[in-house]
């Protein structure tokens, strides 16, 4: 004699609705995360700001200097490392037209260059001069939600795929975007791909969420 499995009709209805509820939740997160990015970046041109160095308005025109003792494994806070990184970035951004570059002399056999912002450079300049000279660009556009993760106590992580709009040609230079490995997915984003990002939320006692960290408005050293 065959036995028939009996399913509660109410339970069956809930099971059938589960994919729809999950889809709705994901759509809600997609809308919320897009709104959060747009609030943080109302101009659509400041999803990420890339540091050139500790150069402020009153320091231009700036002439580079050389500091002996540099090697590639130096600590990122070491003054020699910072100075050499600045020299490298100024030269690269000058090739993309964001700085003028003028040879003004030599330090021994090493050329001394003077740099100043061009009109093109000022278009992308973060005028707040936070941390010195930063060039900003881009708008984050959320494509789809990947997953929601509550494994960290009191914190919800929502992962999503996105692409970036308003990307200038200068950041597509591999020599430049390779300088900023600290921004996850930068190469893929500026070359037209769809990297994965995340927003982090604190979970309040009533279950509501408070944004702790989003994707737009990052300053990358």
N, C-alpha and C. Protein backbone atom coordinates (compact mmCIF):
# COMPACT_ATOMS: atom_id res chain seq x y z
N UNK A 1 0.85 -1.20 0.00
CA UNK A 1 0.00 0.00 0.00
C UNK A 1 0.88 1.23 0.00
N UNK A 2 0.61 2.13 -0.94
CA UNK A 2 1.43 3.35 -1.03
C UNK A 2 0.96 4.38 -0.01
N UNK A 3 1.95 5.08 0.59
CA UNK A 3 1.64 6.17 1.51
C UNK A 3 1.78 7.49 0.78
N UNK A 4 0.86 8.37 1.02
CA UNK A 4 0.88 9.67 0.36
C UNK A 4 1.34 10.74 1.36
N UNK A 5 2.26 11.58 0.93
CA UNK A 5 2.77 12.66 1.77
C UNK A 5 1.76 13.80 1.76
N UNK A 6 1.35 14.22 2.95
CA UNK A 6 0.39 15.32 3.06
C UNK A 6 1.13 16.59 3.46
N UNK A 7 0.91 17.66 2.71
CA UNK A 7 1.55 18.95 2.99
C UNK A 7 0.48 19.96 3.38
N UNK A 8 0.72 20.64 4.47
CA UNK A 8 -0.19 21.70 4.90
C UNK A 8 -0.32 22.74 3.79
N UNK A 9 -1.52 23.07 3.34
CA UNK A 9 -1.70 24.04 2.25
C UNK A 9 -1.07 25.39 2.55
N UNK A 10 -1.13 25.84 3.82
CA UNK A 10 -0.53 27.12 4.19
C UNK A 10 0.98 27.07 4.02
N UNK A 11 1.61 25.95 4.47
CA UNK A 11 3.05 25.79 4.33
C UNK A 11 3.44 25.74 2.87
N UNK A 12 2.64 25.05 2.06
CA UNK A 12 2.92 24.97 0.64
C UNK A 12 2.89 26.35 0.00
N UNK A 13 1.92 27.15 0.41
CA UNK A 13 1.83 28.51 -0.13
C UNK A 13 3.04 29.34 0.24
N UNK A 14 3.52 29.20 1.49
CA UNK A 14 4.69 29.95 1.92
C UNK A 14 5.94 29.51 1.15
N UNK A 15 6.06 28.18 0.92
CA UNK A 15 7.21 27.68 0.18
C UNK A 15 7.21 28.20 -1.24
N UNK A 16 6.05 28.26 -1.85
CA UNK A 16 5.95 28.77 -3.22
C UNK A 16 6.26 30.25 -3.30
N UNK A 17 5.94 30.97 -2.22
CA UNK A 17 6.19 32.42 -2.22
C UNK A 17 7.62 32.78 -1.88
N UNK A 18 8.39 31.85 -1.30
CA UNK A 18 9.73 32.16 -0.82
C UNK A 18 10.63 32.76 -1.88
N UNK A 19 10.69 32.17 -3.10
CA UNK A 19 11.54 32.79 -4.13
C UNK A 19 11.11 34.21 -4.46
N UNK A 20 9.77 34.45 -4.41
CA UNK A 20 9.28 35.79 -4.71
C UNK A 20 9.69 36.76 -3.61
N UNK A 21 9.59 36.31 -2.36
CA UNK A 21 9.98 37.17 -1.25
C UNK A 21 11.46 37.49 -1.31
N UNK A 22 12.27 36.48 -1.60
CA UNK A 22 13.72 36.69 -1.71
C UNK A 22 14.02 37.67 -2.82
N UNK A 23 13.33 37.51 -3.95
CA UNK A 23 13.53 38.42 -5.08
C UNK A 23 13.16 39.84 -4.71
N UNK A 24 12.03 39.99 -4.00
CA UNK A 24 11.61 41.33 -3.58
C UNK A 24 12.63 41.95 -2.64
N UNK A 25 13.13 41.13 -1.69
CA UNK A 25 14.14 41.64 -0.77
C UNK A 25 15.36 42.12 -1.53
N UNK A 26 15.82 41.35 -2.50
CA UNK A 26 16.98 41.73 -3.28
C UNK A 26 16.72 43.01 -4.07
N UNK A 27 15.51 43.11 -4.62
CA UNK A 27 15.17 44.33 -5.35
C UNK A 27 15.16 45.54 -4.43
N UNK A 28 14.68 45.33 -3.21
CA UNK A 28 14.68 46.42 -2.23
C UNK A 28 16.11 46.84 -1.90
N UNK A 29 16.99 45.87 -1.73
CA UNK A 29 18.39 46.19 -1.45
C UNK A 29 19.02 46.90 -2.63
N UNK A 30 18.70 46.47 -3.82
CA UNK A 30 19.26 47.11 -5.01
C UNK A 30 18.87 48.58 -5.05
N UNK A 31 17.60 48.86 -4.80
CA UNK A 31 17.12 50.25 -4.79
C UNK A 31 17.77 51.04 -3.67
N UNK A 32 17.83 50.44 -2.48
CA UNK A 32 18.41 51.13 -1.34
C UNK A 32 19.88 51.46 -1.58
N UNK A 33 20.64 50.47 -2.06
CA UNK A 33 22.08 50.68 -2.25
C UNK A 33 22.34 51.72 -3.34
N UNK A 34 21.53 51.72 -4.40
CA UNK A 34 21.70 52.75 -5.43
C UNK A 34 21.43 54.13 -4.86
N UNK A 35 20.38 54.25 -4.05
CA UNK A 35 20.05 55.54 -3.43
C UNK A 35 21.17 55.99 -2.49
N UNK A 36 21.76 55.06 -1.75
CA UNK A 36 22.85 55.41 -0.84
C UNK A 36 24.07 55.90 -1.61
N UNK A 37 24.39 55.24 -2.72
CA UNK A 37 25.50 55.69 -3.55
C UNK A 37 25.23 57.06 -4.15
N UNK A 38 24.01 57.29 -4.57
CA UNK A 38 23.67 58.58 -5.19
C UNK A 38 23.69 59.71 -4.16
N UNK A 39 23.30 59.42 -2.93
CA UNK A 39 23.37 60.45 -1.88
C UNK A 39 24.81 60.80 -1.56
N UNK A 40 25.66 59.80 -1.54
CA UNK A 40 27.08 60.03 -1.24
C UNK A 40 27.79 60.70 -2.41
N UNK A 41 27.21 60.62 -3.60
CA UNK A 41 27.87 61.10 -4.81
C UNK A 41 26.84 61.78 -5.71
N UNK A 42 26.25 62.91 -5.25
CA UNK A 42 25.16 63.53 -6.01
C UNK A 42 25.56 64.05 -7.38
N UNK A 43 26.84 64.39 -7.57
CA UNK A 43 27.29 64.89 -8.87
C UNK A 43 27.48 63.76 -9.88
N UNK A 44 27.61 62.53 -9.39
CA UNK A 44 27.90 61.40 -10.27
C UNK A 44 29.33 61.37 -10.76
N UNK A 45 30.19 62.15 -10.11
CA UNK A 45 31.60 62.23 -10.51
C UNK A 45 32.56 62.07 -9.35
N UNK A 46 32.11 61.40 -8.28
CA UNK A 46 32.96 61.30 -7.11
C UNK A 46 32.77 59.96 -6.40
N UNK A 47 32.65 58.89 -7.18
CA UNK A 47 32.54 57.57 -6.55
C UNK A 47 33.83 57.20 -5.85
N UNK A 48 34.95 57.61 -6.45
CA UNK A 48 36.25 57.29 -5.88
C UNK A 48 37.20 58.45 -6.15
N UNK A 49 38.05 58.76 -5.17
CA UNK A 49 39.06 59.81 -5.30
C UNK A 49 40.42 59.17 -5.08
N UNK A 50 41.32 59.36 -6.04
CA UNK A 50 42.64 58.75 -6.01
C UNK A 50 43.68 59.78 -5.59
N UNK A 51 44.43 59.47 -4.56
CA UNK A 51 45.42 60.40 -4.03
C UNK A 51 46.62 60.51 -4.96
N UNK A 52 47.03 61.74 -5.21
CA UNK A 52 48.31 61.99 -5.88
C UNK A 52 49.39 62.14 -4.82
N UNK A 53 49.09 62.94 -3.80
CA UNK A 53 50.05 63.13 -2.71
C UNK A 53 49.68 64.32 -1.86
N UNK A 54 50.49 64.61 -0.86
CA UNK A 54 50.23 65.69 0.08
C UNK A 54 50.63 67.04 -0.52
N UNK A 55 49.93 67.41 -1.58
CA UNK A 55 50.14 68.70 -2.24
C UNK A 55 48.87 69.52 -2.12
N UNK A 56 49.00 70.72 -1.55
CA UNK A 56 47.85 71.58 -1.33
C UNK A 56 47.92 72.79 -2.26
N UNK A 57 46.84 73.56 -2.29
CA UNK A 57 46.72 74.66 -3.26
C UNK A 57 47.90 75.62 -3.20
N UNK A 58 48.37 75.92 -1.98
CA UNK A 58 49.44 76.90 -1.83
C UNK A 58 50.82 76.34 -2.14
N UNK A 59 50.91 75.06 -2.53
CA UNK A 59 52.19 74.43 -2.82
C UNK A 59 52.49 74.38 -4.32
N UNK A 60 51.55 74.78 -5.13
CA UNK A 60 51.78 74.78 -6.58
C UNK A 60 52.32 76.13 -7.03
N UNK A 61 53.21 76.19 -8.02
CA UNK A 61 53.82 75.04 -8.70
C UNK A 61 54.79 74.30 -7.78
N UNK A 62 54.86 72.99 -7.95
CA UNK A 62 55.65 72.13 -7.07
C UNK A 62 56.83 71.54 -7.82
N UNK A 63 58.02 71.67 -7.24
CA UNK A 63 59.22 71.08 -7.83
C UNK A 63 59.60 69.84 -7.04
N UNK A 64 59.80 68.74 -7.74
CA UNK A 64 60.11 67.48 -7.06
C UNK A 64 61.48 67.54 -6.40
N UNK A 65 61.70 66.61 -5.49
CA UNK A 65 62.99 66.45 -4.84
C UNK A 65 63.31 64.97 -4.77
N UNK A 66 64.55 64.66 -4.55
CA UNK A 66 64.98 63.28 -4.43
C UNK A 66 65.48 63.03 -3.01
N UNK A 67 65.13 61.86 -2.49
CA UNK A 67 65.58 61.47 -1.15
C UNK A 67 66.28 60.13 -1.27
N UNK A 68 67.51 60.02 -0.82
CA UNK A 68 68.27 58.77 -0.99
C UNK A 68 67.76 57.67 -0.06
N UNK A 69 68.06 56.44 -0.45
CA UNK A 69 67.77 55.31 0.41
C UNK A 69 66.51 54.56 0.09
N UNK A 70 65.87 54.87 -1.01
CA UNK A 70 64.60 54.22 -1.34
C UNK A 70 64.80 52.78 -1.80
N UNK A 71 63.93 51.90 -1.36
CA UNK A 71 63.85 50.56 -1.94
C UNK A 71 62.39 50.12 -1.88
N UNK A 72 62.02 49.19 -2.74
CA UNK A 72 60.61 48.87 -2.98
C UNK A 72 59.89 48.29 -1.78
N UNK A 73 60.59 47.76 -0.81
CA UNK A 73 59.95 47.12 0.33
C UNK A 73 59.81 48.05 1.54
N UNK A 74 60.03 49.34 1.34
CA UNK A 74 59.92 50.28 2.46
C UNK A 74 58.48 50.39 2.93
N UNK A 75 58.28 50.76 4.20
CA UNK A 75 56.96 50.93 4.77
C UNK A 75 56.25 52.10 4.10
N UNK A 76 54.92 51.95 3.91
CA UNK A 76 54.19 52.96 3.17
C UNK A 76 54.14 54.32 3.87
N UNK A 77 54.50 54.39 5.14
CA UNK A 77 54.52 55.67 5.85
C UNK A 77 55.92 56.29 5.89
N UNK A 78 56.88 55.61 5.34
CA UNK A 78 58.24 56.13 5.36
C UNK A 78 58.33 57.36 4.44
N UNK A 79 58.93 58.47 4.91
CA UNK A 79 59.01 59.70 4.10
C UNK A 79 59.69 59.50 2.74
N UNK A 80 60.70 58.64 2.69
CA UNK A 80 61.39 58.40 1.42
C UNK A 80 60.44 57.70 0.45
N UNK A 81 59.72 56.72 0.94
CA UNK A 81 58.75 56.00 0.11
C UNK A 81 57.67 56.95 -0.39
N UNK A 82 57.14 57.79 0.51
CA UNK A 82 56.08 58.73 0.14
C UNK A 82 56.56 59.70 -0.93
N UNK A 83 57.79 60.22 -0.77
CA UNK A 83 58.33 61.18 -1.73
C UNK A 83 58.50 60.54 -3.11
N UNK A 84 59.03 59.35 -3.15
CA UNK A 84 59.24 58.69 -4.44
C UNK A 84 57.92 58.31 -5.10
N UNK A 85 56.95 57.94 -4.31
CA UNK A 85 55.63 57.64 -4.85
C UNK A 85 55.01 58.89 -5.44
N UNK A 86 55.17 60.04 -4.77
CA UNK A 86 54.66 61.30 -5.29
C UNK A 86 55.32 61.65 -6.63
N UNK A 87 56.64 61.52 -6.70
CA UNK A 87 57.35 61.81 -7.96
C UNK A 87 56.83 60.95 -9.10
N UNK A 88 56.60 59.68 -8.80
CA UNK A 88 56.11 58.76 -9.83
C UNK A 88 54.72 59.14 -10.30
N UNK A 89 53.85 59.47 -9.36
CA UNK A 89 52.47 59.79 -9.73
C UNK A 89 52.38 61.10 -10.50
N UNK A 90 53.14 62.09 -10.10
CA UNK A 90 53.13 63.36 -10.83
C UNK A 90 53.52 63.15 -12.29
N UNK A 91 54.55 62.36 -12.51
CA UNK A 91 55.01 62.10 -13.88
C UNK A 91 53.95 61.38 -14.70
N UNK A 92 53.28 60.40 -14.10
CA UNK A 92 52.27 59.64 -14.83
C UNK A 92 51.04 60.49 -15.14
N UNK A 93 50.58 61.26 -14.15
CA UNK A 93 49.42 62.12 -14.39
C UNK A 93 49.74 63.22 -15.39
N UNK A 94 50.98 63.68 -15.41
CA UNK A 94 51.38 64.69 -16.40
C UNK A 94 51.26 64.13 -17.81
N UNK A 95 51.59 62.87 -18.01
CA UNK A 95 51.46 62.25 -19.33
C UNK A 95 50.01 62.20 -19.79
N UNK A 96 49.08 62.19 -18.83
CA UNK A 96 47.66 62.17 -19.17
C UNK A 96 47.06 63.56 -19.23
N UNK A 97 47.90 64.61 -19.06
CA UNK A 97 47.43 65.97 -19.23
C UNK A 97 46.81 66.61 -18.01
N UNK A 98 46.96 66.00 -16.82
CA UNK A 98 46.38 66.59 -15.61
C UNK A 98 47.34 67.54 -14.92
N UNK A 99 48.63 67.47 -15.28
CA UNK A 99 49.64 68.42 -14.80
C UNK A 99 50.47 68.91 -15.98
N UNK A 100 50.99 70.12 -15.84
CA UNK A 100 52.08 70.53 -16.72
C UNK A 100 53.37 69.99 -16.12
N UNK A 101 54.37 69.80 -16.96
CA UNK A 101 55.66 69.30 -16.49
C UNK A 101 56.77 70.12 -17.14
N UNK A 102 57.60 70.76 -16.31
CA UNK A 102 58.65 71.64 -16.81
C UNK A 102 60.00 71.24 -16.18
N UNK A 103 61.00 71.02 -17.01
CA UNK A 103 62.34 70.73 -16.52
C UNK A 103 62.97 72.04 -16.04
N UNK A 104 63.37 72.08 -14.76
CA UNK A 104 63.89 73.33 -14.19
C UNK A 104 65.33 73.20 -13.69
N UNK A 105 65.93 72.04 -13.82
CA UNK A 105 67.31 71.87 -13.37
C UNK A 105 67.62 70.42 -13.12
N UNK A 106 68.72 70.21 -12.41
CA UNK A 106 69.15 68.85 -12.09
C UNK A 106 69.66 68.78 -10.65
N UNK A 107 69.49 67.62 -10.05
CA UNK A 107 70.10 67.30 -8.77
C UNK A 107 71.13 66.23 -9.07
N UNK A 108 72.37 66.67 -9.27
CA UNK A 108 73.39 65.75 -9.78
C UNK A 108 73.03 65.38 -11.20
N UNK A 109 72.85 64.10 -11.45
CA UNK A 109 72.47 63.66 -12.79
C UNK A 109 70.98 63.40 -12.92
N UNK A 110 70.19 63.78 -11.89
CA UNK A 110 68.75 63.53 -11.91
C UNK A 110 67.98 64.80 -12.27
N UNK A 111 67.05 64.70 -13.19
CA UNK A 111 66.29 65.88 -13.61
C UNK A 111 65.30 66.33 -12.54
N UNK A 112 65.15 67.64 -12.42
CA UNK A 112 64.17 68.23 -11.51
C UNK A 112 63.02 68.81 -12.33
N UNK A 113 61.81 68.33 -12.04
CA UNK A 113 60.64 68.79 -12.78
C UNK A 113 59.73 69.61 -11.88
N UNK A 114 59.12 70.63 -12.50
CA UNK A 114 58.12 71.46 -11.80
C UNK A 114 56.75 71.12 -12.37
N UNK A 115 55.78 70.96 -11.47
CA UNK A 115 54.43 70.55 -11.89
C UNK A 115 53.40 71.58 -11.45
N UNK A 116 52.39 71.74 -12.29
CA UNK A 116 51.25 72.57 -11.94
C UNK A 116 49.99 71.93 -12.51
N UNK A 117 48.86 72.19 -11.88
CA UNK A 117 47.59 71.64 -12.35
C UNK A 117 47.18 72.29 -13.67
N UNK A 118 46.70 71.50 -14.58
CA UNK A 118 46.13 72.03 -15.83
C UNK A 118 44.63 72.24 -15.63
N UNK A 119 43.99 72.89 -16.60
CA UNK A 119 42.53 73.03 -16.54
C UNK A 119 41.86 71.66 -16.54
N UNK A 120 42.44 70.72 -17.30
CA UNK A 120 41.89 69.37 -17.32
C UNK A 120 42.01 68.72 -15.94
N UNK A 121 43.15 68.90 -15.29
CA UNK A 121 43.33 68.35 -13.96
C UNK A 121 42.35 68.92 -12.95
N UNK A 122 42.08 70.22 -13.07
CA UNK A 122 41.16 70.86 -12.13
C UNK A 122 39.73 70.36 -12.28
N UNK A 123 39.38 69.82 -13.43
CA UNK A 123 38.05 69.25 -13.64
C UNK A 123 37.80 68.08 -12.71
N UNK A 124 38.84 67.35 -12.36
CA UNK A 124 38.70 66.14 -11.54
C UNK A 124 39.19 66.35 -10.11
N UNK A 125 39.70 67.52 -9.82
CA UNK A 125 40.29 67.81 -8.52
C UNK A 125 39.24 67.84 -7.42
N UNK A 126 39.53 67.17 -6.32
CA UNK A 126 38.69 67.28 -5.13
C UNK A 126 39.03 68.60 -4.46
N UNK A 127 38.14 69.57 -4.59
CA UNK A 127 38.45 70.94 -4.16
C UNK A 127 38.48 71.11 -2.64
N UNK A 128 38.11 70.07 -1.91
CA UNK A 128 38.23 70.13 -0.45
C UNK A 128 39.68 69.92 -0.01
N UNK A 129 40.54 69.45 -0.92
CA UNK A 129 41.95 69.21 -0.64
C UNK A 129 42.11 68.27 0.54
N UNK A 130 41.18 67.30 0.68
CA UNK A 130 41.30 66.33 1.77
C UNK A 130 42.52 65.47 1.51
N UNK A 131 43.49 65.49 2.42
CA UNK A 131 44.69 64.69 2.27
C UNK A 131 45.59 65.16 1.14
N UNK A 132 45.41 66.39 0.67
CA UNK A 132 46.24 66.89 -0.42
C UNK A 132 45.50 66.83 -1.74
N UNK A 133 46.22 66.51 -2.83
CA UNK A 133 45.64 66.48 -4.16
C UNK A 133 45.04 65.11 -4.44
N UNK A 134 43.74 65.11 -4.74
CA UNK A 134 43.02 63.90 -5.10
C UNK A 134 42.23 64.15 -6.38
N UNK A 135 42.26 63.20 -7.29
CA UNK A 135 41.45 63.27 -8.51
C UNK A 135 40.28 62.31 -8.37
N UNK A 136 39.06 62.83 -8.60
CA UNK A 136 37.83 62.06 -8.38
C UNK A 136 37.09 61.82 -9.69
N UNK A 137 36.34 60.75 -9.72
CA UNK A 137 35.57 60.43 -10.93
C UNK A 137 34.56 59.34 -10.60
N UNK A 138 33.61 59.15 -11.51
CA UNK A 138 32.78 57.95 -11.53
C UNK A 138 31.49 57.97 -10.76
N UNK A 139 30.58 57.13 -11.22
CA UNK A 139 29.28 56.90 -10.60
C UNK A 139 29.06 55.40 -10.53
N UNK A 140 28.73 54.90 -9.35
CA UNK A 140 28.44 53.48 -9.15
C UNK A 140 27.00 53.21 -9.56
N UNK A 141 26.81 52.23 -10.44
CA UNK A 141 25.47 51.82 -10.87
C UNK A 141 25.29 50.34 -10.50
N UNK A 142 24.37 50.09 -9.58
CA UNK A 142 24.14 48.72 -9.09
C UNK A 142 23.44 47.90 -10.17
N UNK A 143 23.98 46.72 -10.44
CA UNK A 143 23.38 45.83 -11.44
C UNK A 143 22.49 44.78 -10.79
N UNK A 144 23.01 44.06 -9.80
CA UNK A 144 22.20 43.06 -9.12
C UNK A 144 22.83 42.72 -7.78
N UNK A 145 21.98 42.25 -6.86
CA UNK A 145 22.43 41.83 -5.54
C UNK A 145 22.98 40.40 -5.64
N UNK A 146 24.11 40.17 -5.02
CA UNK A 146 24.73 38.85 -5.03
C UNK A 146 24.27 38.03 -3.83
N UNK A 147 24.49 38.57 -2.63
CA UNK A 147 24.04 37.84 -1.44
C UNK A 147 23.99 38.77 -0.24
N UNK A 148 23.26 38.32 0.78
CA UNK A 148 23.14 39.03 2.06
C UNK A 148 23.75 38.14 3.13
N UNK A 149 24.64 38.71 3.92
CA UNK A 149 25.41 37.91 4.88
C UNK A 149 25.31 38.54 6.27
N UNK A 150 24.79 37.76 7.23
CA UNK A 150 24.65 38.22 8.62
C UNK A 150 25.61 37.48 9.56
N UNK A 151 26.69 36.93 9.03
CA UNK A 151 27.56 36.10 9.87
C UNK A 151 28.28 36.90 10.95
N UNK A 152 28.53 38.19 10.70
CA UNK A 152 29.17 39.01 11.73
C UNK A 152 28.08 39.55 12.67
N UNK A 153 28.27 39.36 13.96
CA UNK A 153 27.25 39.73 14.93
C UNK A 153 26.94 41.23 14.86
N UNK A 154 25.68 41.54 14.68
CA UNK A 154 25.23 42.92 14.66
C UNK A 154 25.52 43.65 13.37
N UNK A 155 26.04 42.95 12.36
CA UNK A 155 26.41 43.59 11.09
C UNK A 155 25.84 42.78 9.93
N UNK A 156 25.25 43.47 9.00
CA UNK A 156 24.77 42.84 7.77
C UNK A 156 25.61 43.33 6.60
N UNK A 157 26.10 42.38 5.81
CA UNK A 157 26.87 42.71 4.61
C UNK A 157 26.03 42.35 3.39
N UNK A 158 25.83 43.31 2.52
CA UNK A 158 25.08 43.07 1.29
C UNK A 158 26.05 43.21 0.12
N UNK A 159 26.27 42.13 -0.58
CA UNK A 159 27.21 42.11 -1.71
C UNK A 159 26.44 42.28 -3.02
N UNK A 160 27.03 43.03 -3.93
CA UNK A 160 26.34 43.31 -5.18
C UNK A 160 27.34 43.50 -6.31
N UNK A 161 26.85 43.36 -7.52
CA UNK A 161 27.65 43.64 -8.71
C UNK A 161 27.25 45.02 -9.25
N UNK A 162 28.24 45.73 -9.74
CA UNK A 162 27.97 47.08 -10.24
C UNK A 162 28.88 47.38 -11.43
N UNK A 163 28.54 48.44 -12.15
CA UNK A 163 29.48 49.00 -13.11
C UNK A 163 29.62 50.48 -12.83
N UNK A 164 30.60 51.10 -13.45
CA UNK A 164 30.88 52.50 -13.17
C UNK A 164 30.70 53.34 -14.42
N UNK A 165 29.98 54.44 -14.27
CA UNK A 165 29.79 55.42 -15.33
C UNK A 165 30.67 56.64 -15.07
N UNK A 166 30.78 57.51 -16.07
CA UNK A 166 31.57 58.74 -15.99
C UNK A 166 33.03 58.44 -15.64
N UNK A 167 33.59 57.54 -16.42
CA UNK A 167 34.98 57.12 -16.22
C UNK A 167 35.86 57.83 -17.26
N UNK A 168 36.80 58.70 -16.83
CA UNK A 168 37.66 59.41 -17.79
C UNK A 168 38.73 58.51 -18.36
N UNK A 169 39.28 58.91 -19.48
CA UNK A 169 40.28 58.08 -20.15
C UNK A 169 41.57 57.94 -19.35
N UNK A 170 41.93 58.96 -18.55
CA UNK A 170 43.23 58.90 -17.88
C UNK A 170 43.33 57.75 -16.88
N UNK A 171 42.21 57.37 -16.25
CA UNK A 171 42.28 56.29 -15.27
C UNK A 171 42.34 54.93 -15.95
N UNK A 172 42.08 54.86 -17.24
CA UNK A 172 42.16 53.58 -17.97
C UNK A 172 43.61 53.21 -18.31
N UNK A 173 44.53 54.11 -18.02
CA UNK A 173 45.95 53.84 -18.19
C UNK A 173 46.39 52.85 -17.09
N UNK A 174 46.86 51.68 -17.50
CA UNK A 174 47.24 50.65 -16.54
C UNK A 174 48.29 51.14 -15.56
N UNK A 175 49.20 52.00 -16.02
CA UNK A 175 50.24 52.51 -15.13
C UNK A 175 49.64 53.30 -13.98
N UNK A 176 48.47 53.91 -14.21
CA UNK A 176 47.83 54.69 -13.15
C UNK A 176 46.96 53.83 -12.26
N UNK A 177 46.02 53.06 -12.82
CA UNK A 177 45.14 52.30 -11.93
C UNK A 177 45.88 51.22 -11.16
N UNK A 178 47.02 50.79 -11.67
CA UNK A 178 47.82 49.79 -10.95
C UNK A 178 48.45 50.36 -9.69
N UNK A 179 48.51 51.68 -9.58
CA UNK A 179 49.06 52.33 -8.39
C UNK A 179 48.13 52.23 -7.19
N UNK A 180 46.87 51.81 -7.42
CA UNK A 180 45.87 51.85 -6.36
C UNK A 180 45.23 50.48 -6.12
N UNK A 181 46.03 49.51 -5.68
CA UNK A 181 45.48 48.17 -5.42
C UNK A 181 44.54 48.15 -4.23
N UNK A 182 44.53 49.22 -3.42
CA UNK A 182 43.69 49.25 -2.24
C UNK A 182 42.21 49.40 -2.53
N UNK A 183 41.85 49.78 -3.75
CA UNK A 183 40.44 49.89 -4.11
C UNK A 183 40.05 48.64 -4.88
N UNK A 184 39.36 47.73 -4.21
CA UNK A 184 39.00 46.45 -4.82
C UNK A 184 38.17 46.62 -6.08
N UNK A 185 38.59 45.99 -7.15
CA UNK A 185 37.83 46.02 -8.39
C UNK A 185 38.03 47.24 -9.24
N UNK A 186 39.03 48.08 -8.92
CA UNK A 186 39.21 49.32 -9.67
C UNK A 186 39.50 49.03 -11.15
N UNK A 187 40.41 48.12 -11.41
CA UNK A 187 40.75 47.82 -12.81
C UNK A 187 39.53 47.38 -13.59
N UNK A 188 38.77 46.45 -13.03
CA UNK A 188 37.60 45.94 -13.73
C UNK A 188 36.56 47.05 -13.93
N UNK A 189 36.39 47.89 -12.91
CA UNK A 189 35.38 48.95 -12.99
C UNK A 189 35.71 49.98 -14.07
N UNK A 190 36.97 50.40 -14.15
CA UNK A 190 37.32 51.46 -15.10
C UNK A 190 37.44 50.94 -16.52
N UNK A 191 37.59 49.63 -16.67
CA UNK A 191 37.70 49.05 -18.01
C UNK A 191 36.37 48.49 -18.51
N UNK A 192 35.29 48.80 -17.80
CA UNK A 192 33.96 48.44 -18.28
C UNK A 192 33.41 47.13 -17.76
N UNK A 193 34.05 46.54 -16.77
CA UNK A 193 33.58 45.28 -16.21
C UNK A 193 32.57 45.49 -15.09
N UNK A 194 32.24 44.40 -14.42
CA UNK A 194 31.26 44.43 -13.33
C UNK A 194 31.86 43.80 -12.08
N UNK A 195 32.63 44.56 -11.31
CA UNK A 195 33.20 44.03 -10.07
C UNK A 195 32.13 43.88 -9.00
N UNK A 196 32.51 43.24 -7.91
CA UNK A 196 31.60 43.06 -6.79
C UNK A 196 31.93 44.07 -5.70
N UNK A 197 30.92 44.67 -5.14
CA UNK A 197 31.09 45.60 -4.04
C UNK A 197 30.25 45.15 -2.85
N UNK A 198 30.31 45.92 -1.77
CA UNK A 198 29.55 45.58 -0.58
C UNK A 198 29.17 46.84 0.18
N UNK A 199 28.00 46.81 0.79
CA UNK A 199 27.62 47.82 1.77
C UNK A 199 27.47 47.12 3.11
N UNK A 200 27.94 47.78 4.16
CA UNK A 200 27.92 47.22 5.50
C UNK A 200 26.93 48.02 6.35
N UNK A 201 26.07 47.28 7.07
CA UNK A 201 25.03 47.91 7.88
C UNK A 201 25.11 47.42 9.32
N UNK A 202 24.85 48.34 10.23
CA UNK A 202 24.63 47.96 11.61
C UNK A 202 23.17 47.59 11.78
N UNK A 203 22.90 46.50 12.50
CA UNK A 203 21.53 46.05 12.73
C UNK A 203 21.06 46.59 14.07
N UNK A 204 20.07 47.47 14.05
CA UNK A 204 19.55 48.07 15.27
C UNK A 204 18.67 47.09 16.03
N UNK A 205 18.33 47.46 17.26
CA UNK A 205 17.52 46.57 18.11
C UNK A 205 16.14 46.31 17.52
N UNK A 206 15.63 47.25 16.73
CA UNK A 206 14.31 47.05 16.12
C UNK A 206 14.39 46.35 14.77
N UNK A 207 15.61 45.93 14.38
CA UNK A 207 15.78 45.21 13.13
C UNK A 207 16.08 46.09 11.93
N UNK A 208 15.97 47.41 12.10
CA UNK A 208 16.27 48.30 10.99
C UNK A 208 17.79 48.40 10.79
N UNK A 209 18.19 48.91 9.64
CA UNK A 209 19.60 48.93 9.27
C UNK A 209 20.13 50.36 9.21
N UNK A 210 21.38 50.50 9.61
CA UNK A 210 22.07 51.79 9.54
C UNK A 210 23.36 51.60 8.74
N UNK A 211 23.51 52.36 7.65
CA UNK A 211 24.68 52.20 6.80
C UNK A 211 25.95 52.56 7.55
N UNK A 212 26.92 51.64 7.53
CA UNK A 212 28.21 51.87 8.16
C UNK A 212 29.27 52.23 7.13
N UNK A 213 29.24 51.56 5.99
CA UNK A 213 30.26 51.78 4.97
C UNK A 213 29.67 51.43 3.61
N UNK A 214 29.79 52.37 2.65
CA UNK A 214 29.27 52.15 1.32
C UNK A 214 30.36 52.16 0.28
N UNK A 215 29.96 52.17 -0.99
CA UNK A 215 30.92 52.06 -2.07
C UNK A 215 31.38 53.42 -2.58
N UNK A 216 30.49 54.39 -2.63
CA UNK A 216 30.85 55.70 -3.17
C UNK A 216 31.49 56.59 -2.12
N UNK A 217 32.35 57.51 -2.58
CA UNK A 217 32.97 58.47 -1.68
C UNK A 217 34.25 57.99 -1.04
N UNK A 218 34.90 56.99 -1.62
CA UNK A 218 36.14 56.46 -1.04
C UNK A 218 37.36 57.26 -1.52
N UNK A 219 38.27 57.49 -0.59
CA UNK A 219 39.57 58.09 -0.92
C UNK A 219 40.61 56.98 -0.85
N UNK A 220 41.36 56.83 -1.93
CA UNK A 220 42.31 55.73 -2.02
C UNK A 220 43.72 56.29 -2.09
N UNK A 221 44.60 55.83 -1.21
CA UNK A 221 45.98 56.34 -1.14
C UNK A 221 46.85 55.68 -2.21
